[in-house]
Amino acid sequence: MIMNNLTIGLFGTCDKSHWRDKFIVTYKSQDVPYYNPQVKDWNLQCAQIEAEHLANDRIILFPITHESYGLGSLSEIGFSVLNAIKLNDRRYFVILIDDYLDDSLQDSDLRKESLKNRSLVKNHLLQLDMSNIYLVNSLDDMLQVSLILYQSENLKLAIESYLIN
């Protein structure tokens, strides 16, 4: 089991999205550990690994982009916020919820449901007063906030290590 792993979990929109590409290139260039749940050959073991990372990574990213309906990801946000409230205020959640959907998403019922749920989740998040939940407006903001949080947590760990020794 992973415990408070100083890793950035790249959750949120999957499907055919490529939002993670820029994040992964940046993280690799700066030796920042990350977890990518979007794998080519998903299997049942992937679900267990993903659940462990969602429950334990120190920094969790949740972009709900305009590229998919995002109904599963929207429900995961609620689960993660509950974890933030109940379990550990030393974990950080960075959330982006696009207010629109691509025109290619044509199913009118799913479109209506997605837009309603996006608005509900976003408005509920805006009501929270929690220092470890960040609602951002763009993927660029999300990347920058994730790097700042990682650097900050790395510094805290170095201070704690120094004081113990």
N, C-alpha and C. Protein backbone atom coordinates (compact mmCIF):
# COMPACT_ATOMS: atom_id res chain seq x y z
N MET A 1 0.83 -1.19 0.00
CA MET A 1 0.00 0.00 0.00
C MET A 1 0.87 1.24 0.00
N ILE A 2 0.46 2.25 -0.75
CA ILE A 2 1.15 3.53 -0.85
C ILE A 2 0.64 4.42 0.28
N MET A 3 1.52 5.04 1.04
CA MET A 3 1.09 5.92 2.13
C MET A 3 1.66 7.32 1.93
N ASN A 4 0.78 8.30 1.72
CA ASN A 4 1.19 9.69 1.55
C ASN A 4 2.37 9.84 0.61
N ASN A 5 2.26 9.22 -0.49
CA ASN A 5 3.29 9.19 -1.52
C ASN A 5 3.41 10.57 -2.16
N LEU A 6 4.62 11.15 -2.14
CA LEU A 6 4.83 12.45 -2.78
C LEU A 6 4.89 12.25 -4.29
N THR A 7 3.73 11.91 -4.81
CA THR A 7 3.53 11.66 -6.23
C THR A 7 2.34 12.49 -6.66
N ILE A 8 2.36 12.93 -7.90
CA ILE A 8 1.22 13.66 -8.46
C ILE A 8 0.38 12.67 -9.25
N GLY A 9 -0.86 12.48 -8.82
CA GLY A 9 -1.79 11.59 -9.51
C GLY A 9 -2.53 12.33 -10.60
N LEU A 10 -2.44 11.83 -11.82
CA LEU A 10 -3.06 12.49 -12.98
C LEU A 10 -4.42 11.86 -13.27
N PHE A 11 -5.40 12.21 -12.49
CA PHE A 11 -6.74 11.64 -12.64
C PHE A 11 -7.57 12.53 -13.56
N GLY A 12 -8.86 12.37 -13.56
CA GLY A 12 -9.71 13.19 -14.40
C GLY A 12 -9.96 12.57 -15.76
N THR A 13 -10.22 13.41 -16.74
CA THR A 13 -10.61 12.98 -18.08
C THR A 13 -9.61 12.01 -18.69
N CYS A 14 -10.13 10.91 -19.18
CA CYS A 14 -9.31 9.92 -19.90
C CYS A 14 -9.80 9.87 -21.34
N ASP A 15 -10.56 8.85 -21.67
CA ASP A 15 -11.05 8.64 -23.04
C ASP A 15 -9.89 8.80 -24.02
N LYS A 16 -10.04 9.65 -25.00
CA LYS A 16 -8.99 9.86 -26.00
C LYS A 16 -8.24 11.17 -25.75
N SER A 17 -8.32 11.68 -24.55
CA SER A 17 -7.70 12.95 -24.20
C SER A 17 -6.18 12.84 -24.14
N HIS A 18 -5.52 13.92 -24.49
CA HIS A 18 -4.06 13.99 -24.43
C HIS A 18 -3.58 15.08 -23.47
N TRP A 19 -4.43 15.50 -22.54
CA TRP A 19 -4.03 16.58 -21.63
C TRP A 19 -2.81 16.19 -20.81
N ARG A 20 -2.63 14.92 -20.51
CA ARG A 20 -1.52 14.47 -19.65
C ARG A 20 -0.15 14.61 -20.33
N ASP A 21 -0.12 14.65 -21.66
CA ASP A 21 1.16 14.65 -22.38
C ASP A 21 2.08 15.78 -21.93
N LYS A 22 1.58 17.00 -21.91
CA LYS A 22 2.40 18.15 -21.50
C LYS A 22 2.84 18.02 -20.04
N PHE A 23 1.95 17.53 -19.18
CA PHE A 23 2.27 17.35 -17.77
C PHE A 23 3.41 16.34 -17.61
N ILE A 24 3.30 15.22 -18.30
CA ILE A 24 4.30 14.15 -18.19
C ILE A 24 5.66 14.63 -18.68
N VAL A 25 5.69 15.33 -19.80
CA VAL A 25 6.96 15.87 -20.31
C VAL A 25 7.57 16.81 -19.29
N THR A 26 6.77 17.69 -18.71
CA THR A 26 7.27 18.64 -17.72
C THR A 26 7.75 17.92 -16.47
N TYR A 27 6.97 16.99 -15.97
CA TYR A 27 7.36 16.26 -14.76
C TYR A 27 8.64 15.46 -14.99
N LYS A 28 8.75 14.80 -16.12
CA LYS A 28 9.97 14.04 -16.41
C LYS A 28 11.18 14.96 -16.45
N SER A 29 11.03 16.13 -17.05
CA SER A 29 12.17 17.06 -17.17
C SER A 29 12.60 17.60 -15.81
N GLN A 30 11.71 17.56 -14.82
CA GLN A 30 12.02 18.08 -13.48
C GLN A 30 12.10 16.98 -12.43
N ASP A 31 12.13 15.73 -12.87
CA ASP A 31 12.21 14.57 -11.97
C ASP A 31 11.10 14.57 -10.92
N VAL A 32 9.90 14.91 -11.35
CA VAL A 32 8.74 14.91 -10.47
C VAL A 32 8.01 13.58 -10.66
N PRO A 33 7.84 12.80 -9.60
CA PRO A 33 7.12 11.53 -9.75
C PRO A 33 5.63 11.75 -9.99
N TYR A 34 5.07 10.96 -10.86
CA TYR A 34 3.65 11.08 -11.19
C TYR A 34 3.07 9.68 -11.41
N TYR A 35 1.75 9.62 -11.33
CA TYR A 35 1.03 8.39 -11.64
C TYR A 35 0.03 8.70 -12.73
N ASN A 36 0.08 7.91 -13.80
CA ASN A 36 -0.83 8.08 -14.93
C ASN A 36 -1.77 6.87 -14.99
N PRO A 37 -3.04 7.04 -14.66
CA PRO A 37 -3.98 5.91 -14.70
C PRO A 37 -4.43 5.54 -16.12
N GLN A 38 -4.11 6.38 -17.09
CA GLN A 38 -4.53 6.13 -18.46
C GLN A 38 -3.49 5.23 -19.13
N VAL A 39 -3.81 3.93 -19.17
CA VAL A 39 -2.89 2.95 -19.73
C VAL A 39 -3.49 2.32 -20.97
N LYS A 40 -2.62 1.78 -21.81
CA LYS A 40 -3.07 1.19 -23.08
C LYS A 40 -3.93 -0.04 -22.87
N ASP A 41 -3.48 -0.95 -22.01
CA ASP A 41 -4.18 -2.20 -21.77
C ASP A 41 -4.67 -2.26 -20.33
N TRP A 42 -5.81 -1.66 -20.06
CA TRP A 42 -6.37 -1.59 -18.72
C TRP A 42 -6.88 -2.97 -18.32
N ASN A 43 -6.61 -3.37 -17.07
CA ASN A 43 -7.11 -4.64 -16.56
C ASN A 43 -7.53 -4.47 -15.10
N LEU A 44 -8.00 -5.53 -14.48
CA LEU A 44 -8.51 -5.44 -13.10
C LEU A 44 -7.43 -5.03 -12.11
N GLN A 45 -6.19 -5.43 -12.33
CA GLN A 45 -5.10 -5.02 -11.44
C GLN A 45 -4.90 -3.50 -11.52
N CYS A 46 -5.14 -2.92 -12.67
CA CYS A 46 -5.02 -1.46 -12.82
C CYS A 46 -6.00 -0.75 -11.90
N ALA A 47 -7.18 -1.33 -11.69
CA ALA A 47 -8.17 -0.72 -10.80
C ALA A 47 -7.65 -0.64 -9.38
N GLN A 48 -6.99 -1.70 -8.92
CA GLN A 48 -6.43 -1.71 -7.57
C GLN A 48 -5.31 -0.69 -7.43
N ILE A 49 -4.43 -0.63 -8.40
CA ILE A 49 -3.32 0.33 -8.37
C ILE A 49 -3.87 1.76 -8.40
N GLU A 50 -4.84 1.99 -9.27
CA GLU A 50 -5.45 3.32 -9.38
C GLU A 50 -6.10 3.73 -8.06
N ALA A 51 -6.81 2.82 -7.42
CA ALA A 51 -7.47 3.12 -6.15
C ALA A 51 -6.44 3.47 -5.07
N GLU A 52 -5.33 2.76 -5.06
CA GLU A 52 -4.28 3.05 -4.08
C GLU A 52 -3.69 4.44 -4.30
N HIS A 53 -3.46 4.79 -5.56
CA HIS A 53 -2.92 6.12 -5.85
C HIS A 53 -3.94 7.21 -5.52
N LEU A 54 -5.19 6.98 -5.86
CA LEU A 54 -6.23 7.97 -5.56
C LEU A 54 -6.36 8.20 -4.06
N ALA A 55 -6.17 7.15 -3.29
CA ALA A 55 -6.29 7.25 -1.84
C ALA A 55 -5.03 7.79 -1.15
N ASN A 56 -3.88 7.74 -1.83
CA ASN A 56 -2.65 8.03 -1.11
C ASN A 56 -1.69 9.03 -1.75
N ASP A 57 -1.79 9.31 -3.03
CA ASP A 57 -0.86 10.27 -3.61
C ASP A 57 -1.05 11.62 -2.94
N ARG A 58 0.04 12.32 -2.73
CA ARG A 58 -0.01 13.59 -1.99
C ARG A 58 -0.72 14.68 -2.79
N ILE A 59 -0.56 14.67 -4.12
CA ILE A 59 -1.17 15.70 -4.96
C ILE A 59 -2.02 15.00 -6.02
N ILE A 60 -3.29 15.34 -6.06
CA ILE A 60 -4.23 14.73 -7.00
C ILE A 60 -4.75 15.80 -7.96
N LEU A 61 -4.63 15.53 -9.24
CA LEU A 61 -5.16 16.44 -10.26
C LEU A 61 -6.44 15.84 -10.85
N PHE A 62 -7.46 16.69 -10.99
CA PHE A 62 -8.74 16.28 -11.54
C PHE A 62 -9.24 17.27 -12.58
N PRO A 63 -8.70 17.23 -13.79
CA PRO A 63 -9.31 18.06 -14.82
C PRO A 63 -10.48 17.32 -15.46
N ILE A 64 -11.59 17.98 -15.51
CA ILE A 64 -12.75 17.47 -16.24
C ILE A 64 -12.83 18.35 -17.47
N THR A 65 -12.25 17.87 -18.57
CA THR A 65 -12.13 18.71 -19.75
C THR A 65 -13.38 18.64 -20.62
N HIS A 66 -13.39 19.48 -21.60
CA HIS A 66 -14.49 19.60 -22.55
C HIS A 66 -14.52 18.45 -23.55
N GLU A 67 -13.52 17.54 -23.47
CA GLU A 67 -13.37 16.48 -24.46
C GLU A 67 -14.28 15.28 -24.25
N SER A 68 -14.87 15.17 -23.05
CA SER A 68 -15.75 14.04 -22.78
C SER A 68 -16.86 14.49 -21.84
N TYR A 69 -17.85 13.64 -21.70
CA TYR A 69 -18.95 13.96 -20.79
C TYR A 69 -18.46 14.00 -19.34
N GLY A 70 -17.48 13.18 -19.00
CA GLY A 70 -16.83 13.25 -17.70
C GLY A 70 -17.67 12.82 -16.51
N LEU A 71 -18.71 12.04 -16.74
CA LEU A 71 -19.61 11.70 -15.63
C LEU A 71 -18.90 10.88 -14.55
N GLY A 72 -18.04 9.95 -14.94
CA GLY A 72 -17.30 9.16 -13.95
C GLY A 72 -16.32 10.02 -13.18
N SER A 73 -15.61 10.89 -13.86
CA SER A 73 -14.64 11.75 -13.20
C SER A 73 -15.30 12.73 -12.24
N LEU A 74 -16.49 13.21 -12.61
CA LEU A 74 -17.20 14.12 -11.71
C LEU A 74 -17.56 13.42 -10.40
N SER A 75 -17.92 12.15 -10.47
CA SER A 75 -18.24 11.43 -9.24
C SER A 75 -16.98 11.15 -8.43
N GLU A 76 -15.85 10.93 -9.08
CA GLU A 76 -14.59 10.72 -8.36
C GLU A 76 -14.18 11.95 -7.57
N ILE A 77 -14.50 13.13 -8.07
CA ILE A 77 -14.17 14.35 -7.33
C ILE A 77 -14.85 14.34 -5.97
N GLY A 78 -16.12 13.98 -5.93
CA GLY A 78 -16.84 13.93 -4.66
C GLY A 78 -16.19 12.97 -3.68
N PHE A 79 -15.79 11.80 -4.16
CA PHE A 79 -15.11 10.82 -3.32
C PHE A 79 -13.80 11.39 -2.80
N SER A 80 -13.06 12.05 -3.64
CA SER A 80 -11.75 12.59 -3.24
C SER A 80 -11.88 13.74 -2.26
N VAL A 81 -12.87 14.59 -2.46
CA VAL A 81 -13.08 15.69 -1.51
C VAL A 81 -13.46 15.13 -0.15
N LEU A 82 -14.26 14.08 -0.14
CA LEU A 82 -14.60 13.42 1.12
C LEU A 82 -13.33 12.93 1.81
N ASN A 83 -12.41 12.34 1.04
CA ASN A 83 -11.12 11.92 1.60
C ASN A 83 -10.35 13.10 2.15
N ALA A 84 -10.38 14.21 1.45
CA ALA A 84 -9.65 15.40 1.90
C ALA A 84 -10.20 15.90 3.22
N ILE A 85 -11.50 15.82 3.37
CA ILE A 85 -12.15 16.30 4.59
C ILE A 85 -11.90 15.33 5.74
N LYS A 86 -12.04 14.05 5.50
CA LYS A 86 -12.02 13.06 6.58
C LYS A 86 -10.64 12.53 6.91
N LEU A 87 -9.78 12.38 5.92
CA LEU A 87 -8.58 11.60 6.15
C LEU A 87 -7.30 12.39 6.38
N ASN A 88 -7.05 13.42 5.60
CA ASN A 88 -5.71 13.95 5.63
C ASN A 88 -5.66 15.33 4.98
N ASP A 89 -5.30 16.33 5.77
CA ASP A 89 -5.19 17.66 5.18
C ASP A 89 -3.79 17.92 4.62
N ARG A 90 -2.97 16.88 4.56
CA ARG A 90 -1.64 17.01 3.95
C ARG A 90 -1.65 16.51 2.51
N ARG A 91 -2.83 16.30 1.98
CA ARG A 91 -2.98 15.95 0.57
C ARG A 91 -3.64 17.12 -0.12
N TYR A 92 -3.33 17.29 -1.40
CA TYR A 92 -3.83 18.43 -2.16
C TYR A 92 -4.61 17.96 -3.37
N PHE A 93 -5.68 18.66 -3.67
CA PHE A 93 -6.54 18.35 -4.80
C PHE A 93 -6.64 19.59 -5.67
N VAL A 94 -6.25 19.45 -6.94
CA VAL A 94 -6.30 20.55 -7.89
C VAL A 94 -7.32 20.15 -8.95
N ILE A 95 -8.36 20.96 -9.07
CA ILE A 95 -9.52 20.59 -9.88
C ILE A 95 -9.78 21.65 -10.95
N LEU A 96 -10.06 21.17 -12.15
CA LEU A 96 -10.48 22.00 -13.26
C LEU A 96 -11.76 21.39 -13.82
N ILE A 97 -12.78 22.20 -13.96
CA ILE A 97 -14.02 21.72 -14.58
C ILE A 97 -14.38 22.68 -15.71
N ASP A 98 -14.19 22.22 -16.95
CA ASP A 98 -14.59 23.05 -18.08
C ASP A 98 -16.11 23.22 -18.07
N ASP A 99 -16.56 24.43 -18.41
CA ASP A 99 -17.99 24.75 -18.39
C ASP A 99 -18.70 24.41 -19.70
N TYR A 100 -17.97 23.88 -20.65
CA TYR A 100 -18.54 23.60 -21.96
C TYR A 100 -18.09 22.23 -22.43
N LEU A 101 -18.70 21.74 -23.49
CA LEU A 101 -18.34 20.45 -24.09
C LEU A 101 -18.03 20.66 -25.57
N ASP A 102 -17.15 19.80 -26.10
CA ASP A 102 -16.87 19.84 -27.53
C ASP A 102 -18.15 19.61 -28.33
N ASP A 103 -18.22 20.25 -29.48
CA ASP A 103 -19.38 20.07 -30.36
C ASP A 103 -19.52 18.64 -30.85
N SER A 104 -18.42 17.89 -30.84
CA SER A 104 -18.47 16.50 -31.31
C SER A 104 -19.25 15.58 -30.37
N LEU A 105 -19.50 16.03 -29.15
CA LEU A 105 -20.27 15.24 -28.18
C LEU A 105 -21.75 15.54 -28.42
N GLN A 106 -22.40 14.68 -29.20
CA GLN A 106 -23.72 14.97 -29.74
C GLN A 106 -24.90 14.40 -28.95
N ASP A 107 -24.67 13.47 -28.04
CA ASP A 107 -25.79 12.85 -27.31
C ASP A 107 -26.43 13.92 -26.41
N SER A 108 -27.62 14.36 -26.77
CA SER A 108 -28.24 15.48 -26.06
C SER A 108 -28.54 15.18 -24.60
N ASP A 109 -28.93 13.94 -24.28
CA ASP A 109 -29.20 13.59 -22.89
C ASP A 109 -27.92 13.59 -22.06
N LEU A 110 -26.86 12.97 -22.57
CA LEU A 110 -25.58 12.96 -21.84
C LEU A 110 -25.00 14.37 -21.74
N ARG A 111 -25.15 15.13 -22.79
CA ARG A 111 -24.66 16.52 -22.80
C ARG A 111 -25.34 17.33 -21.70
N LYS A 112 -26.66 17.22 -21.64
CA LYS A 112 -27.44 17.95 -20.63
C LYS A 112 -27.03 17.50 -19.22
N GLU A 113 -26.91 16.19 -19.02
CA GLU A 113 -26.52 15.65 -17.71
C GLU A 113 -25.12 16.10 -17.32
N SER A 114 -24.19 16.08 -18.26
CA SER A 114 -22.82 16.49 -17.99
C SER A 114 -22.75 17.96 -17.61
N LEU A 115 -23.38 18.81 -18.37
CA LEU A 115 -23.34 20.24 -18.08
C LEU A 115 -23.99 20.56 -16.73
N LYS A 116 -25.08 19.87 -16.41
CA LYS A 116 -25.73 20.05 -15.11
C LYS A 116 -24.79 19.62 -13.99
N ASN A 117 -24.20 18.44 -14.11
CA ASN A 117 -23.30 17.93 -13.07
C ASN A 117 -22.04 18.77 -12.93
N ARG A 118 -21.51 19.27 -14.04
CA ARG A 118 -20.34 20.16 -13.99
C ARG A 118 -20.67 21.41 -13.16
N SER A 119 -21.83 21.98 -13.44
CA SER A 119 -22.23 23.19 -12.71
C SER A 119 -22.44 22.90 -11.23
N LEU A 120 -23.12 21.81 -10.93
CA LEU A 120 -23.36 21.44 -9.52
C LEU A 120 -22.06 21.21 -8.77
N VAL A 121 -21.19 20.39 -9.32
CA VAL A 121 -19.93 20.08 -8.64
C VAL A 121 -19.09 21.33 -8.45
N LYS A 122 -18.97 22.13 -9.51
CA LYS A 122 -18.16 23.35 -9.44
C LYS A 122 -18.70 24.31 -8.38
N ASN A 123 -20.02 24.50 -8.36
CA ASN A 123 -20.60 25.42 -7.38
C ASN A 123 -20.48 24.91 -5.95
N HIS A 124 -20.58 23.61 -5.77
CA HIS A 124 -20.37 23.04 -4.43
C HIS A 124 -18.91 23.22 -4.00
N LEU A 125 -17.98 23.00 -4.91
CA LEU A 125 -16.56 23.18 -4.59
C LEU A 125 -16.26 24.63 -4.20
N LEU A 126 -16.90 25.55 -4.89
CA LEU A 126 -16.67 26.97 -4.58
C LEU A 126 -17.15 27.34 -3.18
N GLN A 127 -18.05 26.56 -2.62
CA GLN A 127 -18.56 26.82 -1.27
C GLN A 127 -17.63 26.29 -0.17
N LEU A 128 -16.71 25.41 -0.53
CA LEU A 128 -15.81 24.84 0.47
C LEU A 128 -14.72 25.83 0.85
N ASP A 129 -14.38 25.84 2.11
CA ASP A 129 -13.28 26.68 2.59
C ASP A 129 -12.20 25.74 3.12
N MET A 130 -11.47 25.14 2.19
CA MET A 130 -10.44 24.17 2.56
C MET A 130 -9.13 24.58 1.90
N SER A 131 -8.08 24.61 2.70
CA SER A 131 -6.79 25.08 2.21
C SER A 131 -6.08 24.07 1.32
N ASN A 132 -6.60 22.88 1.18
CA ASN A 132 -5.92 21.88 0.36
C ASN A 132 -6.69 21.52 -0.92
N ILE A 133 -7.69 22.32 -1.26
CA ILE A 133 -8.44 22.11 -2.50
C ILE A 133 -8.33 23.38 -3.34
N TYR A 134 -7.83 23.22 -4.55
CA TYR A 134 -7.64 24.35 -5.46
C TYR A 134 -8.49 24.14 -6.70
N LEU A 135 -9.30 25.12 -7.03
CA LEU A 135 -10.10 25.10 -8.24
C LEU A 135 -9.44 26.06 -9.22
N VAL A 136 -8.97 25.53 -10.35
CA VAL A 136 -8.23 26.34 -11.32
C VAL A 136 -9.06 26.52 -12.59
N ASN A 137 -8.60 27.46 -13.43
CA ASN A 137 -9.36 27.82 -14.63
C ASN A 137 -8.81 27.25 -15.93
N SER A 138 -7.59 26.68 -15.88
CA SER A 138 -7.00 26.16 -17.12
C SER A 138 -6.02 25.05 -16.80
N LEU A 139 -5.68 24.28 -17.82
CA LEU A 139 -4.68 23.23 -17.65
C LEU A 139 -3.31 23.83 -17.34
N ASP A 140 -3.01 25.00 -17.93
CA ASP A 140 -1.73 25.66 -17.62
C ASP A 140 -1.66 26.03 -16.14
N ASP A 141 -2.76 26.57 -15.61
CA ASP A 141 -2.81 26.88 -14.17
C ASP A 141 -2.63 25.61 -13.35
N MET A 142 -3.27 24.53 -13.77
CA MET A 142 -3.19 23.27 -13.05
C MET A 142 -1.74 22.77 -12.99
N LEU A 143 -1.05 22.85 -14.11
CA LEU A 143 0.34 22.42 -14.16
C LEU A 143 1.19 23.25 -13.21
N GLN A 144 1.04 24.56 -13.26
CA GLN A 144 1.85 25.43 -12.40
C GLN A 144 1.56 25.20 -10.92
N VAL A 145 0.29 25.08 -10.56
CA VAL A 145 -0.08 24.84 -9.16
C VAL A 145 0.48 23.49 -8.70
N SER A 146 0.42 22.47 -9.56
CA SER A 146 0.94 21.16 -9.17
C SER A 146 2.44 21.22 -8.91
N LEU A 147 3.17 21.97 -9.71
CA LEU A 147 4.62 22.09 -9.52
C LEU A 147 4.94 22.85 -8.23
N ILE A 148 4.20 23.90 -7.97
CA ILE A 148 4.42 24.68 -6.73
C ILE A 148 4.12 23.81 -5.51
N LEU A 149 3.02 23.08 -5.54
CA LEU A 149 2.68 22.19 -4.42
C LEU A 149 3.75 21.12 -4.23
N TYR A 150 4.24 20.55 -5.32
CA TYR A 150 5.28 19.52 -5.23
C TYR A 150 6.55 20.10 -4.59
N GLN A 151 6.97 21.26 -5.06
CA GLN A 151 8.17 21.89 -4.51
C GLN A 151 7.99 22.21 -3.03
N SER A 152 6.82 22.70 -2.68
CA SER A 152 6.52 23.01 -1.28
C SER A 152 6.57 21.77 -0.40
N GLU A 153 5.96 20.70 -0.87
CA GLU A 153 5.95 19.45 -0.10
C GLU A 153 7.35 18.85 0.01
N ASN A 154 8.13 18.98 -1.04
CA ASN A 154 9.51 18.50 -1.00
C ASN A 154 10.31 19.27 0.04
N LEU A 155 10.09 20.57 0.11
CA LEU A 155 10.77 21.40 1.10
C LEU A 155 10.34 21.01 2.52
N LYS A 156 9.06 20.79 2.73
CA LYS A 156 8.57 20.37 4.04
C LYS A 156 9.22 19.05 4.47
N LEU A 157 9.31 18.10 3.55
CA LEU A 157 9.93 16.82 3.86
C LEU A 157 11.41 16.98 4.21
N ALA A 158 12.08 17.87 3.52
CA ALA A 158 13.50 18.12 3.81
C ALA A 158 13.65 18.72 5.21
N ILE A 159 12.79 19.64 5.56
CA ILE A 159 12.84 20.26 6.90
C ILE A 159 12.57 19.21 7.97
N GLU A 160 11.53 18.41 7.76
CA GLU A 160 11.21 17.36 8.73
C GLU A 160 12.36 16.38 8.90
N SER A 161 12.99 16.00 7.80
CA SER A 161 14.12 15.08 7.85
C SER A 161 15.28 15.69 8.62
N TYR A 162 15.54 16.97 8.37
CA TYR A 162 16.61 17.67 9.04
C TYR A 162 16.36 17.73 10.55
N LEU A 163 15.14 18.03 10.93
CA LEU A 163 14.83 18.16 12.35
C LEU A 163 14.87 16.82 13.07
N ILE A 164 14.54 15.75 12.38
CA ILE A 164 14.60 14.41 12.99
C ILE A 164 16.04 13.99 13.22
N ASN A 165 16.91 14.34 12.29
CA ASN A 165 18.32 13.95 12.39
C ASN A 165 19.04 14.98 13.18
